[in-house]
Each structure stands twice: as structure tokens, then as C-alpha cells.
Amino acid sequence: MRFAPALALALLTGCDAVAGIHAASERTEPGVEAAGSASTPPAGATCATHADCLTGASAEFDPYACIEGACVRLMSDECQLLLPSSNQWLQNLRSGDADPLIFGIFTIYDQHLDADDTRNFDLALTDVTEKVIGIPAVNDKRRPLVGVACNSGTLTSPLSEDQLDRAMDHLTLDLGVTGILSDLQASDLERAFRYRGYDRHVFFMNALGAEENVQTLMSDGLIWSILPPGTDLVPVYQPLVDRAVAHLRSNGTLGATENARVAIVIAQNVPVLNDIGSAVVNTLSINGKAATDQNAGGDFLEITVFSPSGEGAPSVDTDAILQLKAFKPHIVVSATGDEFLKDYIPLIEEANPPLAPMYVLSEWDYGQTDALASLVTSSKLALHERLIGVNYAEAPEQHADQAYQLHFDAKYAPQSNASGLENFYDAAYYFFYSAAASGMAWPLQGHDMVNGMRRLLSGNDPFDVGPDDLERAVVELETPDASITLNGTMGPPNFSSDGVRHTPGSVYCIDQNGDRRSDVLTLDGDGKLTSEEPFPCFDF
């Protein structure tokens, strides 16, 4: 399991419709009629089917849907992308088989579908359309899917409250959606749910983590999160720091009776990192004392920064670098964004005389494969022997993830790399299956999807996300009250009854070639780090 934070990308925030996303070679440009056509029904016109609202040449560029007997514009200023792409959404909307399921999506997007989280959503929804058409309906029919995607913003370019509220108004009030596939950051997800989600009984499939503010919402079970809370990783830090101290004593870096100096850098403007860092500070012991007892100037240094990966800080915090150099730590723990690899470590390594501490990297750092490889291969101070990191443990079985990697790369490589982004793909599949398992209820309500999710957690028959198992799994779910076990690329569906997923932490390292090695140490039942194989990156 990997946390893949959405970083700065070119966002579409104006009114240029990108509903008809195509490959570059087949993309068509809107003609004169795209801005409006005499044959297009006006907003509010009466209708019996979606087809009644899709007449005229503008249907592809400015489509309307039939919502409660009236034609309603599908897109708005905040919601300008329709999925599945390549106009599959238009075919689905025109379906004469059964009324399509129109649902909401919050994601990053631009005119060429270049954001990898959105590509993963689209890949899953395309799988569904091509393999099974959609969710089961009465009389052996299927309801196709039409996702109305709204801009989720990013940590560096967040949505304003007004933008988020307008998007929620469009989805829930104008279109009446009762399910949303979400890539919203934790604070935005909380606002969206409080603003319209709870009152409208909207089911949210959150592709990111169940951070503290999300867990404490009175959500009535309507929010399910694909990634676990960052605090699931905290139990790894104490035994890992203890092992690092023992390692430094054994190699002579730290004297037998010398106190170890440990620093932690916390990005307070990135919720998941702030939660992890704060929990580590409150639980960590150094030299036999609680870290919080030594903040006045002993062997522990806590530095809080505003990460450039989040809102409110355009560059690296140079004061933090100066504090670290003055403190001369033996171990530096990262609870920051990718700037730790790109800025902090290089600047610390340039210290004269060299500090050469051990670094405990974060789960955020895990996905920065290029930066990690560059650091290791360019270092003159054997950096790979001083890098260890904490991340979520991988799935016990890897076949679903391996199949996903091949599937994603076949469509998008070499423009993109699927590594670290499987949570978005899983989220789209769990969203679809929760609707498919809703018992053919129509109109579909949020709590129907909650009930559907609960049918995916503990059945006798296991199925994997991905196109290969779609047909068999959907047929299985057409049997009333039947349950399946839906395994994601990140492993089995370890969700609690309130939609929080828990996954233990593990340790990763970087070998001398700059290659990342996962799950090299795992926690046993006694909270100790163990491994069946020798530590692969250095003598640790």
C-alpha cells in the first residue's frame, strides 16, 4: 500500500469543457455549435430519458442529463470532466438498456487527462464499461456509469471553500448524486461531508487516508477510506530508532555511553504527516527518557515546518536546516514531504564537518523513486547505509498488484509510472462494486452503497480488482445476500465497520544501486522488528 499525495499539476479551473477527452491522435475540437445549438434542449426542458437532452452537435461538449424529468447541465465551472473518457461516458448516458448511474468524482484533471490519480480512476471505470457495462439492474439489464468529475485541488493549489461548496451543490442538488469517488484532502473531505454529504446521505469512497478529522466525523458509516490512517505506522518508529541507535554504537559512530541525539522534522500543513509526526513525538523514548521530557534542549529536537508540498510555504525552510546542523543529530526522522529528499538531506550532507546522520524516511518519501536513486548514486558518504524508512506493509499476495501494474503500464507507459498509485485504482473498483452489490435498489441511495460495501468484506469466494474477475464477481453479487471477498491491489479488505482500513507498518531501505527494497523488517506480535532474510541494503 502506498500513499500517493497529489502534488502540483496544471489544473483546469476555467470554463473550457473537457468532457470529451480523447487520445491526442483522435481528439476533436469543438465547432461553432459547441457553445450552444438551436437543437439543444434548454435547461429545465421536460424529458423522459437522457437521450431527450442530448440532441444536437453540442451533446458531446456541453451535455445535459434528464434529472427528475428536467434537462440539467452535467458540467459546471468546478466540474468539467466526464468519465469514462474517450466519450464512453456519452455512450453510457445514451444507453437504452437501463438508466445509467450518475455519480460524483473529485480529482485532479487537465485537458489531456495527465494526472495519474485521474488516470487510475478512468482505467477502472473503462474496465467496467468494457467488461460488464455497469451495475446489475432488473430483468438482466445493466446500468452504465457516468462520472461527473470536479476539481479536487491539490495541497499546493487548494480549493477555496466557495469552490468546494459550489461543486457539492452541483453534484448533490443539481444532479442528485448519492455517491462520490473522492481524491479530496482530509480537510476538504470533512467540509464536503459536513456541507452536503451528511444531509443528502451521500456515500464517499475516499481514495486517501482516514486521518483523525475524518475518523471523528459523525458519518453514519457513509465514508470509507482506501488508505489507513497515518498513525497506523507509529508503532514502527520506536523499535526502528532503538535499532538505529544500537547500529550506530556497533559501528563506532556513537560511543558506548554517549547519548544519542534524535531530531524530527514535521510538516504541520500536511494532515497525514502532522498526525504521524505528532504521534511519534508523544510516544518516542530516547536514551531511556520520553522525547517530550527533553525538548528544552537535551537529546531530542522537534522542528515543525510548513512543507512546500502543502499550502502556505513556497520554499524549503532554511531555518530548519540551520537548526539541524547546529544540533548535530545522530538520527533525523522525516515527517515531511518530498522536499526532505530534494532539499534537507543534500543540505545536511554538505555540512562541514560532515554530520552523516542516519535518516528515517517517511511513507511520503517511499514513492519518490527517482529522488531516492539520485541521492544514493551521487553520494560520496555511503548514503545508502544511512537510509531507512517506514511505510505500510505490502499485501501478502502480490498477484493483483502485479496484474494492475502491467495493465496500467500497457496503457500509459512510458508517459507515466503506476508505482505508488494503486490506491486510486482500488478506490474506483470498490466504489463500483459497492454499487453492484446494492441489491438492484433504484434510485440508488448512499446507504444502499454502504450495505453493498459490507457484502465485499468476508465472502467465501475471493475476487481481485481488475478486469479479469469482473464478470464472475458481478454475477456472484446478483444473487441476493451473497457476499464475496474483494481483494485490492493493496491486499484484503481489512475495513472496520465504520469504513476505516488498517494496515501495519514495515521498514524499507535503499540498496547501493538506488533500488528501493520493501518490507525488509516487519513487526511481530511483541512489537519487535524481525525478518526472515538478512537486511538487504547494509549491515543493520
Protein backbone atom coordinates (compact mmCIF):
# COMPACT_ATOMS: atom_id res chain seq x y z
CA MET A 1 0.00 0.00 0.00
CA ARG A 2 1.32 3.36 -0.91
CA PHE A 3 0.26 6.89 -0.12
CA ALA A 4 0.49 8.96 -3.30
CA PRO A 5 -0.20 12.59 -2.42
CA ALA A 6 -1.49 14.79 -5.19
CA LEU A 7 1.13 17.41 -5.91
CA ALA A 8 1.00 20.50 -8.09
CA LEU A 9 -0.29 19.87 -11.61
CA ALA A 10 -1.81 22.07 -14.28
CA LEU A 11 -5.40 22.44 -13.15
CA LEU A 12 -8.37 23.36 -15.25
CA THR A 13 -10.28 25.97 -13.30
CA GLY A 14 -11.99 27.95 -16.05
CA CYS A 15 -14.99 27.17 -18.20
CA ASP A 16 -13.38 25.27 -21.10
CA ALA A 17 -15.18 21.96 -21.24
CA VAL A 18 -13.02 18.86 -21.38
CA ALA A 19 -15.83 16.36 -21.25
CA GLY A 20 -14.73 14.64 -24.45
CA ILE A 21 -11.21 13.56 -23.52
CA HIS A 22 -9.54 11.66 -26.37
CA ALA A 23 -6.09 10.44 -27.19
CA ALA A 24 -4.10 13.19 -28.92
CA SER A 25 -4.41 11.50 -32.31
CA GLU A 26 -8.20 11.30 -32.12
CA ARG A 27 -9.09 14.42 -30.18
CA THR A 28 -11.69 16.61 -31.87
CA GLU A 29 -12.12 20.30 -31.27
CA PRO A 30 -15.50 21.91 -30.60
CA GLY A 31 -17.07 23.51 -33.61
CA VAL A 32 -19.34 26.54 -33.78
CA GLU A 33 -22.19 24.59 -32.24
CA ALA A 34 -20.15 23.61 -29.22
CA ALA A 35 -21.04 26.81 -27.41
CA GLY A 36 -24.72 26.17 -27.96
CA SER A 37 -27.02 24.69 -30.54
CA ALA A 38 -30.52 25.54 -31.58
CA SER A 39 -31.38 21.87 -31.36
CA THR A 40 -30.13 21.53 -27.79
CA PRO A 41 -32.98 21.49 -25.24
CA PRO A 42 -32.79 24.45 -22.87
CA ALA A 43 -32.01 23.85 -19.23
CA GLY A 44 -35.20 22.82 -17.47
CA ALA A 45 -36.85 21.39 -20.56
CA THR A 46 -39.03 18.39 -19.79
CA CYS A 47 -37.67 14.96 -20.65
CA ALA A 48 -38.32 11.28 -20.21
CA THR A 49 -34.82 9.95 -20.97
CA HIS A 50 -31.29 11.29 -21.09
CA ALA A 51 -31.43 10.97 -24.87
CA ASP A 52 -34.12 13.69 -24.88
CA CYS A 53 -31.48 16.09 -23.50
CA LEU A 54 -28.65 15.03 -25.82
CA THR A 55 -29.87 16.24 -29.20
CA GLY A 56 -27.71 18.47 -31.36
CA ALA A 57 -23.99 18.72 -32.00
CA SER A 58 -23.27 20.21 -28.60
CA ALA A 59 -24.18 17.00 -26.76
CA GLU A 60 -20.54 15.91 -26.74
CA PHE A 61 -19.21 19.23 -25.49
CA ASP A 62 -21.92 20.59 -23.22
CA PRO A 63 -24.16 17.64 -22.33
CA TYR A 64 -27.39 17.65 -20.38
CA ALA A 65 -28.97 14.78 -18.45
CA CYS A 66 -32.57 14.08 -17.55
CA ILE A 67 -32.83 14.59 -13.79
CA GLU A 68 -36.28 14.14 -12.26
CA GLY A 69 -37.99 14.91 -15.57
CA ALA A 70 -35.97 18.03 -16.48
CA CYS A 71 -32.81 18.57 -18.56
CA VAL A 72 -29.89 19.59 -16.32
CA ARG A 73 -26.41 20.55 -17.45
CA LEU A 74 -23.95 17.85 -16.43
CA MET A 75 -20.95 20.13 -16.07
CA SER A 76 -20.34 23.31 -14.11
CA ASP A 77 -17.42 25.68 -13.69
CA GLU A 78 -15.97 23.43 -10.97
CA CYS A 79 -16.92 20.11 -12.61
CA GLN A 80 -15.64 19.93 -16.17
CA LEU A 81 -14.58 16.34 -16.81
CA LEU A 82 -16.74 13.31 -17.54
CA LEU A 83 -15.56 9.72 -17.17
CA PRO A 84 -15.01 7.09 -18.56
CA SER A 85 -13.06 9.09 -21.14
CA SER A 86 -12.88 8.81 -24.94
CA ASN A 87 -16.62 9.53 -24.98
CA GLN A 88 -17.55 6.26 -23.30
CA TRP A 89 -19.46 8.43 -20.83
CA LEU A 90 -21.60 9.73 -23.73
CA GLN A 91 -22.40 6.23 -24.94
CA ASN A 92 -23.26 5.24 -21.37
CA LEU A 93 -25.51 8.26 -20.92
CA ARG A 94 -27.39 7.42 -24.12
CA SER A 95 -27.84 3.80 -23.08
CA GLY A 96 -31.29 2.40 -23.71
CA ASP A 97 -30.71 -0.65 -21.55
CA ALA A 98 -31.26 0.92 -18.12
CA ASP A 99 -30.85 4.38 -16.64
CA PRO A 100 -27.14 4.97 -16.01
CA LEU A 101 -25.71 5.59 -12.57
CA ILE A 102 -24.58 9.22 -12.49
CA PHE A 103 -22.13 9.80 -9.65
CA GLY A 104 -19.64 12.39 -8.50
CA ILE A 105 -15.85 12.36 -8.60
CA PHE A 106 -13.35 14.74 -7.01
CA THR A 107 -9.97 14.51 -8.69
CA ILE A 108 -7.12 16.42 -10.31
CA TYR A 109 -7.52 16.88 -14.02
CA ASP A 110 -6.37 18.85 -17.02
CA GLN A 111 -7.25 18.83 -20.70
CA HIS A 112 -5.18 15.75 -21.51
CA LEU A 113 -6.02 13.51 -18.55
CA ASP A 114 -2.41 13.82 -17.38
CA ALA A 115 -2.98 13.48 -13.63
CA ASP A 116 -2.14 9.92 -12.61
CA ASP A 117 -4.78 9.67 -9.90
CA THR A 118 -7.41 10.51 -12.54
CA ARG A 119 -5.86 8.05 -14.98
CA ASN A 120 -6.32 5.32 -12.38
CA PHE A 121 -9.95 6.25 -11.80
CA ASP A 122 -10.52 6.26 -15.55
CA LEU A 123 -8.74 2.96 -16.13
CA ALA A 124 -11.00 1.19 -13.62
CA LEU A 125 -14.20 2.79 -14.96
CA THR A 126 -13.17 1.90 -18.51
CA ASP A 127 -12.60 -1.72 -17.40
CA VAL A 128 -16.13 -1.82 -16.02
CA THR A 129 -17.71 -0.32 -19.13
CA GLU A 130 -15.90 -2.66 -21.50
CA LYS A 131 -16.30 -5.84 -19.46
CA VAL A 132 -19.71 -5.68 -17.77
CA ILE A 133 -21.33 -2.40 -18.96
CA GLY A 134 -22.27 -1.39 -15.43
CA ILE A 135 -24.10 -2.43 -12.28
CA PRO A 136 -26.86 -5.08 -12.31
CA ALA A 137 -30.43 -3.91 -12.88
CA VAL A 138 -33.74 -5.76 -13.03
CA ASN A 139 -34.60 -8.01 -15.99
CA ASP A 140 -30.94 -8.93 -16.53
CA LYS A 141 -30.05 -5.42 -17.59
CA ARG A 142 -27.02 -3.32 -16.60
CA ARG A 143 -26.77 0.34 -15.62
CA PRO A 144 -23.76 2.04 -17.23
CA LEU A 145 -21.60 4.52 -15.29
CA VAL A 146 -21.24 8.26 -15.85
CA GLY A 147 -18.86 10.06 -13.52
CA VAL A 148 -19.05 13.86 -13.23
CA ALA A 149 -15.57 14.89 -12.11
CA CYS A 150 -14.96 18.08 -10.17
CA ASN A 151 -11.59 19.67 -9.48
CA SER A 152 -10.22 18.41 -6.16
CA GLY A 153 -7.40 20.94 -5.96
CA THR A 154 -4.01 19.96 -4.57
CA LEU A 155 -2.04 20.60 -1.41
CA THR A 156 -0.18 23.39 -3.19
CA SER A 157 -3.25 24.74 -5.03
CA PRO A 158 -6.16 24.03 -2.70
CA LEU A 159 -9.78 24.74 -3.46
CA SER A 160 -11.44 27.72 -1.86
CA GLU A 161 -14.38 26.94 0.38
CA ASP A 162 -16.70 28.57 -2.17
CA GLN A 163 -15.35 26.38 -4.98
CA LEU A 164 -15.83 23.23 -2.95
CA ASP A 165 -19.32 24.26 -1.87
CA ARG A 166 -20.35 25.07 -5.44
CA ALA A 167 -19.07 21.70 -6.64
CA MET A 168 -21.03 19.91 -3.91
CA ASP A 169 -24.14 21.94 -4.73
CA HIS A 170 -23.85 20.94 -8.38
CA LEU A 171 -23.35 17.26 -7.64
CA THR A 172 -25.93 16.82 -4.90
CA LEU A 173 -28.57 19.47 -5.63
CA ASP A 174 -28.44 19.85 -9.43
CA LEU A 175 -27.64 16.23 -10.32
CA GLY A 176 -28.85 14.45 -7.19
CA VAL A 177 -25.83 12.16 -6.90
CA THR A 178 -25.72 9.92 -3.84
CA GLY A 179 -22.22 8.51 -4.34
CA ILE A 180 -18.86 10.28 -4.71
CA LEU A 181 -15.42 8.86 -5.54
CA SER A 182 -13.08 11.22 -3.73
CA ASP A 183 -9.48 12.41 -4.04
CA LEU A 184 -10.10 15.29 -1.62
CA GLN A 185 -7.55 16.10 1.05
CA ALA A 186 -8.73 15.35 4.59
CA SER A 187 -9.85 18.88 5.48
CA ASP A 188 -11.77 19.27 2.21
CA LEU A 189 -13.41 15.87 2.60
CA GLU A 190 -14.56 16.88 6.06
CA ARG A 191 -16.05 20.13 4.74
CA ALA A 192 -17.75 18.46 1.78
CA PHE A 193 -19.34 15.87 4.02
CA ARG A 194 -20.48 18.39 6.62
CA TYR A 195 -21.78 20.82 3.98
CA ARG A 196 -23.94 18.46 1.87
CA GLY A 197 -22.79 14.87 2.33
CA TYR A 198 -24.45 14.06 5.63
CA ASP A 199 -27.79 15.75 4.99
CA ARG A 200 -28.03 14.25 1.49
CA HIS A 201 -26.88 10.79 2.69
CA VAL A 202 -24.02 10.67 0.18
CA PHE A 203 -21.66 7.67 0.14
CA PHE A 204 -17.99 8.71 -0.14
CA MET A 205 -15.26 6.33 -1.28
CA ASN A 206 -12.13 8.16 -0.11
CA ALA A 207 -9.04 7.20 -2.15
CA LEU A 208 -6.77 8.69 0.53
CA GLY A 209 -6.38 8.03 4.26
CA ALA A 210 -8.79 8.06 7.18
CA GLU A 211 -7.00 10.80 9.07
CA GLU A 212 -8.12 11.84 12.53
CA ASN A 213 -10.57 14.52 11.40
CA VAL A 214 -12.22 12.05 9.02
CA GLN A 215 -12.42 9.28 11.61
CA THR A 216 -14.07 11.52 14.18
CA LEU A 217 -16.83 12.70 11.83
CA MET A 218 -20.31 11.50 12.70
CA SER A 219 -20.56 9.96 9.25
CA ASP A 220 -23.17 7.26 9.90
CA GLY A 221 -20.90 4.84 8.02
CA LEU A 222 -21.06 6.83 4.76
CA ILE A 223 -17.27 7.41 4.42
CA TRP A 224 -14.96 4.52 3.54
CA SER A 225 -11.24 5.17 3.15
CA ILE A 226 -8.89 3.11 1.00
CA LEU A 227 -5.70 4.10 2.82
CA PRO A 228 -5.24 3.55 6.55
CA PRO A 229 -4.63 6.45 8.90
CA GLY A 230 -1.02 7.56 9.08
CA THR A 231 -0.97 6.75 12.77
CA ASP A 232 -1.03 3.02 11.89
CA LEU A 233 2.68 3.49 11.15
CA VAL A 234 3.61 4.91 14.56
CA PRO A 235 4.35 1.57 16.33
CA VAL A 236 7.28 1.02 13.95
CA TYR A 237 9.22 4.14 14.95
CA GLN A 238 10.32 3.25 18.48
CA PRO A 239 11.86 -0.15 17.68
CA LEU A 240 13.37 1.27 14.49
CA VAL A 241 15.04 4.18 16.30
CA ASP A 242 16.25 1.78 19.01
CA ARG A 243 17.76 -0.46 16.35
CA ALA A 244 19.37 2.53 14.63
CA VAL A 245 20.96 3.63 17.94
CA ALA A 246 22.32 0.12 18.50
CA HIS A 247 23.68 0.10 14.96
CA LEU A 248 25.48 3.43 15.50
CA ARG A 249 27.04 2.10 18.69
CA SER A 250 28.19 -1.08 16.98
CA ASN A 251 29.91 0.77 14.12
CA GLY A 252 31.57 3.29 16.42
CA THR A 253 29.63 6.37 15.28
CA LEU A 254 28.11 6.60 18.76
CA GLY A 255 30.13 5.92 21.89
CA ALA A 256 29.13 3.14 24.26
CA THR A 257 27.92 5.62 26.92
CA GLU A 258 27.25 8.61 24.67
CA ASN A 259 23.67 9.86 24.46
CA ALA A 260 22.04 9.63 21.05
CA ARG A 261 20.70 12.86 19.58
CA VAL A 262 17.49 12.45 17.59
CA ALA A 263 15.69 15.14 15.57
CA ILE A 264 12.30 15.01 13.88
CA VAL A 265 11.03 17.37 11.17
CA ILE A 266 7.23 17.61 10.94
CA ALA A 267 5.21 19.18 8.12
CA GLN A 268 2.42 20.78 10.10
CA ASN A 269 0.45 21.82 6.99
CA VAL A 270 0.10 18.26 5.60
CA PRO A 271 -2.50 16.48 7.80
CA VAL A 272 -1.25 12.91 7.44
CA LEU A 273 2.37 13.90 8.10
CA ASN A 274 1.43 16.14 11.01
CA ASP A 275 -0.61 13.30 12.55
CA ILE A 276 2.29 10.86 12.19
CA GLY A 277 4.93 13.28 13.48
CA SER A 278 2.88 14.39 16.48
CA ALA A 279 2.12 10.79 17.45
CA VAL A 280 5.80 9.82 17.16
CA VAL A 281 6.84 12.71 19.42
CA ASN A 282 4.26 11.70 22.01
CA THR A 283 5.35 8.04 22.09
CA LEU A 284 9.11 8.08 21.42
CA SER A 285 11.72 7.47 24.10
CA ILE A 286 15.37 8.49 23.66
CA ASN A 287 18.15 7.41 25.99
CA GLY A 288 15.61 5.95 28.37
CA LYS A 289 13.51 9.09 28.65
CA ALA A 290 10.37 10.32 26.91
CA ALA A 291 11.23 12.58 23.98
CA THR A 292 8.77 15.16 25.27
CA ASP A 293 10.78 15.47 28.51
CA GLN A 294 13.86 16.65 26.64
CA ASN A 295 12.53 19.37 24.36
CA ALA A 296 14.07 22.11 26.50
CA GLY A 297 17.46 21.40 24.99
CA GLY A 298 18.71 17.89 25.51
CA ASP A 299 19.00 14.99 23.14
CA PHE A 300 15.77 15.45 21.20
CA LEU A 301 14.85 18.22 18.75
CA GLU A 302 11.39 18.71 17.27
CA ILE A 303 11.14 21.05 14.28
CA THR A 304 7.80 21.95 12.73
CA VAL A 305 7.82 23.42 9.25
CA PHE A 306 5.42 24.43 6.51
CA SER A 307 6.10 21.95 3.75
CA PRO A 308 6.29 23.20 0.15
CA SER A 309 4.20 20.11 -0.60
CA GLY A 310 1.30 21.79 1.20
CA GLU A 311 -0.41 25.14 1.33
CA GLY A 312 1.39 28.12 2.80
CA ALA A 313 5.12 27.63 2.12
CA PRO A 314 6.73 28.30 -1.27
CA SER A 315 10.23 27.01 -0.47
CA VAL A 316 12.25 24.89 1.93
CA ASP A 317 12.62 26.19 5.50
CA THR A 318 16.28 27.25 5.71
CA ASP A 319 15.97 27.96 9.45
CA ALA A 320 15.13 24.30 9.96
CA ILE A 321 18.31 23.31 8.14
CA LEU A 322 20.36 25.63 10.35
CA GLN A 323 18.76 24.16 13.49
CA LEU A 324 19.56 20.64 12.36
CA LYS A 325 23.17 21.49 11.59
CA ALA A 326 23.61 23.16 14.98
CA PHE A 327 22.00 20.22 16.81
CA LYS A 328 24.29 17.68 15.06
CA PRO A 329 21.82 14.79 15.23
CA HIS A 330 22.78 11.15 15.02
CA ILE A 331 19.32 10.32 13.64
CA VAL A 332 16.89 12.53 11.71
CA VAL A 333 13.26 11.39 11.39
CA SER A 334 11.27 12.73 8.45
CA ALA A 335 7.59 13.54 8.74
CA THR A 336 7.72 15.91 5.77
CA GLY A 337 7.04 15.90 2.05
CA ASP A 338 9.36 15.14 -0.84
CA GLU A 339 11.49 18.19 -0.02
CA PHE A 340 13.21 16.09 2.63
CA LEU A 341 14.91 14.14 -0.16
CA LYS A 342 15.38 17.05 -2.55
CA ASP A 343 16.49 19.75 -0.10
CA TYR A 344 17.01 18.67 3.50
CA ILE A 345 19.27 15.68 3.02
CA PRO A 346 21.51 17.32 0.38
CA LEU A 347 21.98 20.43 2.55
CA ILE A 348 22.66 18.40 5.69
CA GLU A 349 25.14 16.24 3.79
CA GLU A 350 27.00 19.39 2.70
CA ALA A 351 27.75 20.35 6.31
CA ASN A 352 31.43 20.92 7.13
CA PRO A 353 32.48 18.92 9.01
CA PRO A 354 30.02 16.33 7.64
CA LEU A 355 27.25 15.24 10.01
CA ALA A 356 26.41 11.96 8.21
CA PRO A 357 23.40 11.03 10.40
CA MET A 358 21.03 8.15 9.80
CA TYR A 359 17.74 9.19 8.21
CA VAL A 360 14.36 7.63 8.97
CA LEU A 361 12.30 8.39 5.87
CA SER A 362 8.52 8.74 5.75
CA GLU A 363 5.89 6.88 3.76
CA TRP A 364 5.64 10.02 1.63
CA ASP A 365 9.32 9.60 0.69
CA TYR A 366 8.68 6.00 -0.38
CA GLY A 367 7.11 6.98 -3.69
CA GLN A 368 9.97 9.29 -4.72
CA THR A 369 11.90 6.59 -6.54
CA ASP A 370 13.88 8.91 -8.82
CA ALA A 371 14.91 11.23 -5.98
CA LEU A 372 15.97 8.28 -3.81
CA ALA A 373 18.03 6.72 -6.58
CA SER A 374 19.69 10.06 -7.39
CA LEU A 375 20.60 10.66 -3.74
CA VAL A 376 22.19 7.27 -3.29
CA THR A 377 24.11 7.08 -6.54
CA SER A 378 25.52 10.60 -6.23
CA SER A 379 26.52 10.38 -2.55
CA LYS A 380 30.17 10.33 -1.55
CA LEU A 381 29.38 9.37 2.04
CA ALA A 382 27.78 5.92 1.57
CA LEU A 383 24.32 7.38 2.00
CA HIS A 384 22.51 4.12 1.30
CA GLU A 385 23.97 2.75 4.56
CA ARG A 386 22.17 5.50 6.45
CA LEU A 387 18.70 5.42 4.87
CA ILE A 388 15.82 3.50 6.45
CA GLY A 389 12.14 4.28 6.10
CA VAL A 390 8.66 3.49 7.38
CA ASN A 391 5.75 2.60 5.12
CA TYR A 392 2.63 0.44 5.08
CA ALA A 393 3.32 -3.26 4.66
CA GLU A 394 2.70 -4.69 1.23
CA ALA A 395 -0.10 -7.15 0.56
CA PRO A 396 0.72 -10.76 1.47
CA GLU A 397 -0.23 -11.77 -2.08
CA GLN A 398 1.08 -9.63 -4.93
CA HIS A 399 -0.69 -11.07 -7.97
CA ALA A 400 -3.44 -8.41 -8.02
CA ASP A 401 -0.90 -5.62 -7.75
CA GLN A 402 1.35 -7.13 -10.41
CA ALA A 403 -1.59 -7.50 -12.79
CA TYR A 404 -2.55 -3.88 -12.14
CA GLN A 405 0.98 -2.61 -12.82
CA LEU A 406 1.05 -4.38 -16.18
CA HIS A 407 -2.45 -3.15 -17.03
CA PHE A 408 -1.65 0.48 -16.19
CA ASP A 409 1.73 0.47 -17.94
CA ALA A 410 0.24 -1.07 -21.08
CA LYS A 411 -1.98 1.98 -21.44
CA TYR A 412 0.16 4.83 -20.11
CA ALA A 413 3.86 3.90 -20.10
CA PRO A 414 6.31 5.48 -20.72
CA GLN A 415 4.42 8.74 -20.05
CA SER A 416 3.58 7.60 -16.55
CA ASN A 417 4.51 5.14 -13.83
CA ALA A 418 1.89 3.31 -11.78
CA SER A 419 4.16 2.81 -8.78
CA GLY A 420 2.57 4.15 -5.61
CA LEU A 421 -0.81 4.97 -7.14
CA GLU A 422 -2.76 1.77 -6.71
CA ASN A 423 -4.98 3.29 -4.02
CA PHE A 424 -6.80 5.32 -6.70
CA TYR A 425 -7.41 2.24 -8.83
CA ASP A 426 -8.67 0.28 -5.82
CA ALA A 427 -10.95 3.13 -4.77
CA ALA A 428 -12.71 3.17 -8.15
CA TYR A 429 -13.20 -0.59 -8.05
CA TYR A 430 -14.56 -0.63 -4.50
CA PHE A 431 -16.91 2.21 -5.46
CA PHE A 432 -18.22 0.25 -8.45
CA TYR A 433 -18.60 -2.99 -6.53
CA SER A 434 -20.39 -1.26 -3.65
CA ALA A 435 -22.98 -0.11 -6.19
CA ALA A 436 -23.07 -3.52 -7.90
CA ALA A 437 -23.71 -5.17 -4.52
CA SER A 438 -26.51 -2.79 -3.54
CA GLY A 439 -29.24 -5.31 -4.39
CA MET A 440 -30.50 -3.55 -7.53
CA ALA A 441 -32.04 -0.77 -5.43
CA TRP A 442 -33.13 2.16 -7.60
CA PRO A 443 -32.83 5.09 -7.28
CA LEU A 444 -29.57 4.14 -5.60
CA GLN A 445 -29.03 5.79 -2.21
CA GLY A 446 -25.86 6.28 -0.19
CA HIS A 447 -26.82 3.74 2.44
CA ASP A 448 -27.51 1.19 -0.30
CA MET A 449 -23.84 1.53 -1.26
CA VAL A 450 -22.79 1.17 2.38
CA ASN A 451 -24.71 -2.09 2.52
CA GLY A 452 -23.06 -3.06 -0.75
CA MET A 453 -19.59 -2.44 0.70
CA ARG A 454 -20.35 -4.76 3.58
CA ARG A 455 -21.04 -7.55 1.07
CA LEU A 456 -17.45 -7.28 -0.21
CA LEU A 457 -15.55 -7.95 3.01
CA SER A 458 -15.90 -11.59 4.03
CA GLY A 459 -17.42 -13.86 1.42
CA ASN A 460 -16.35 -17.43 0.75
CA ASP A 461 -15.33 -16.60 -2.82
CA PRO A 462 -12.29 -14.30 -3.28
CA PHE A 463 -12.05 -11.99 -6.27
CA ASP A 464 -9.42 -9.44 -7.28
CA VAL A 465 -9.94 -5.91 -8.51
CA GLY A 466 -9.12 -5.60 -12.20
CA PRO A 467 -10.80 -6.63 -15.44
CA ASP A 468 -10.15 -10.38 -15.20
CA ASP A 469 -12.60 -11.09 -12.35
CA LEU A 470 -15.27 -8.51 -13.19
CA GLU A 471 -17.78 -10.74 -14.98
CA ARG A 472 -17.68 -13.57 -12.44
CA ALA A 473 -17.83 -11.26 -9.43
CA VAL A 474 -20.79 -9.25 -10.73
CA VAL A 475 -22.72 -12.43 -11.48
CA GLU A 476 -21.99 -13.66 -7.95
CA LEU A 477 -23.33 -10.41 -6.47
CA GLU A 478 -26.57 -10.71 -8.43
CA THR A 479 -27.54 -13.48 -6.02
CA PRO A 480 -29.46 -11.81 -3.16
CA ASP A 481 -27.46 -11.55 0.07
CA ALA A 482 -24.40 -13.26 -1.45
CA SER A 483 -21.06 -11.92 -0.22
CA ILE A 484 -17.60 -12.02 -1.73
CA THR A 485 -14.12 -11.09 -0.55
CA LEU A 486 -12.84 -8.34 -2.84
CA ASN A 487 -9.06 -8.18 -2.68
CA GLY A 488 -7.48 -4.96 -3.85
CA THR A 489 -4.02 -4.35 -5.24
CA MET A 490 -3.12 -3.44 -1.66
CA GLY A 491 -4.44 -6.64 -0.17
CA PRO A 492 -7.58 -7.96 1.51
CA PRO A 493 -10.45 -5.67 2.51
CA ASN A 494 -9.40 -5.03 6.11
CA PHE A 495 -12.08 -2.42 6.75
CA SER A 496 -13.69 -1.87 10.12
CA SER A 497 -17.46 -1.50 10.28
CA ASP A 498 -17.12 2.30 10.16
CA GLY A 499 -15.10 2.29 6.92
CA VAL A 500 -11.57 2.67 8.33
CA ARG A 501 -8.94 0.39 6.86
CA HIS A 502 -5.98 -0.69 8.97
CA THR A 503 -2.62 -1.90 7.70
CA PRO A 504 0.52 -2.45 9.78
CA GLY A 505 3.71 -0.56 9.12
CA SER A 506 7.01 -2.01 7.96
CA VAL A 507 10.55 -0.86 7.15
CA TYR A 508 12.06 -0.18 3.73
CA CYS A 509 15.62 0.62 2.67
CA ILE A 510 17.55 1.72 -0.43
CA ASP A 511 20.34 -0.51 -1.72
CA GLN A 512 23.63 0.66 -3.17
CA ASN A 513 22.14 0.72 -6.69
CA GLY A 514 19.43 3.13 -5.57
CA ASP A 515 16.70 0.48 -5.71
CA ARG A 516 14.00 0.55 -3.07
CA ARG A 517 13.56 -2.65 -1.02
CA SER A 518 10.18 -3.04 0.70
CA ASP A 519 9.14 -4.82 3.89
CA VAL A 520 12.70 -5.63 4.93
CA LEU A 521 11.60 -5.56 8.59
CA THR A 522 8.12 -6.16 9.99
CA LEU A 523 6.61 -6.00 13.45
CA ASP A 524 5.95 -9.25 15.26
CA GLY A 525 3.28 -9.81 17.90
CA ASP A 526 5.56 -8.41 20.61
CA GLY A 527 6.20 -5.15 18.74
CA LYS A 528 9.73 -6.14 17.69
CA LEU A 529 11.15 -5.72 14.20
CA THR A 530 12.01 -9.05 12.61
CA SER A 531 12.86 -10.51 9.23
CA GLU A 532 13.28 -13.98 7.78
CA GLU A 533 16.05 -12.72 5.48
CA PRO A 534 19.24 -10.71 6.16
CA PHE A 535 18.83 -6.94 5.90
CA PRO A 536 19.48 -6.37 2.17
CA CYS A 537 20.86 -2.81 1.99
CA PHE A 538 23.65 -2.76 4.59
CA ASP A 539 24.73 -4.47 7.80
CA PHE A 540 21.89 -3.41 10.10
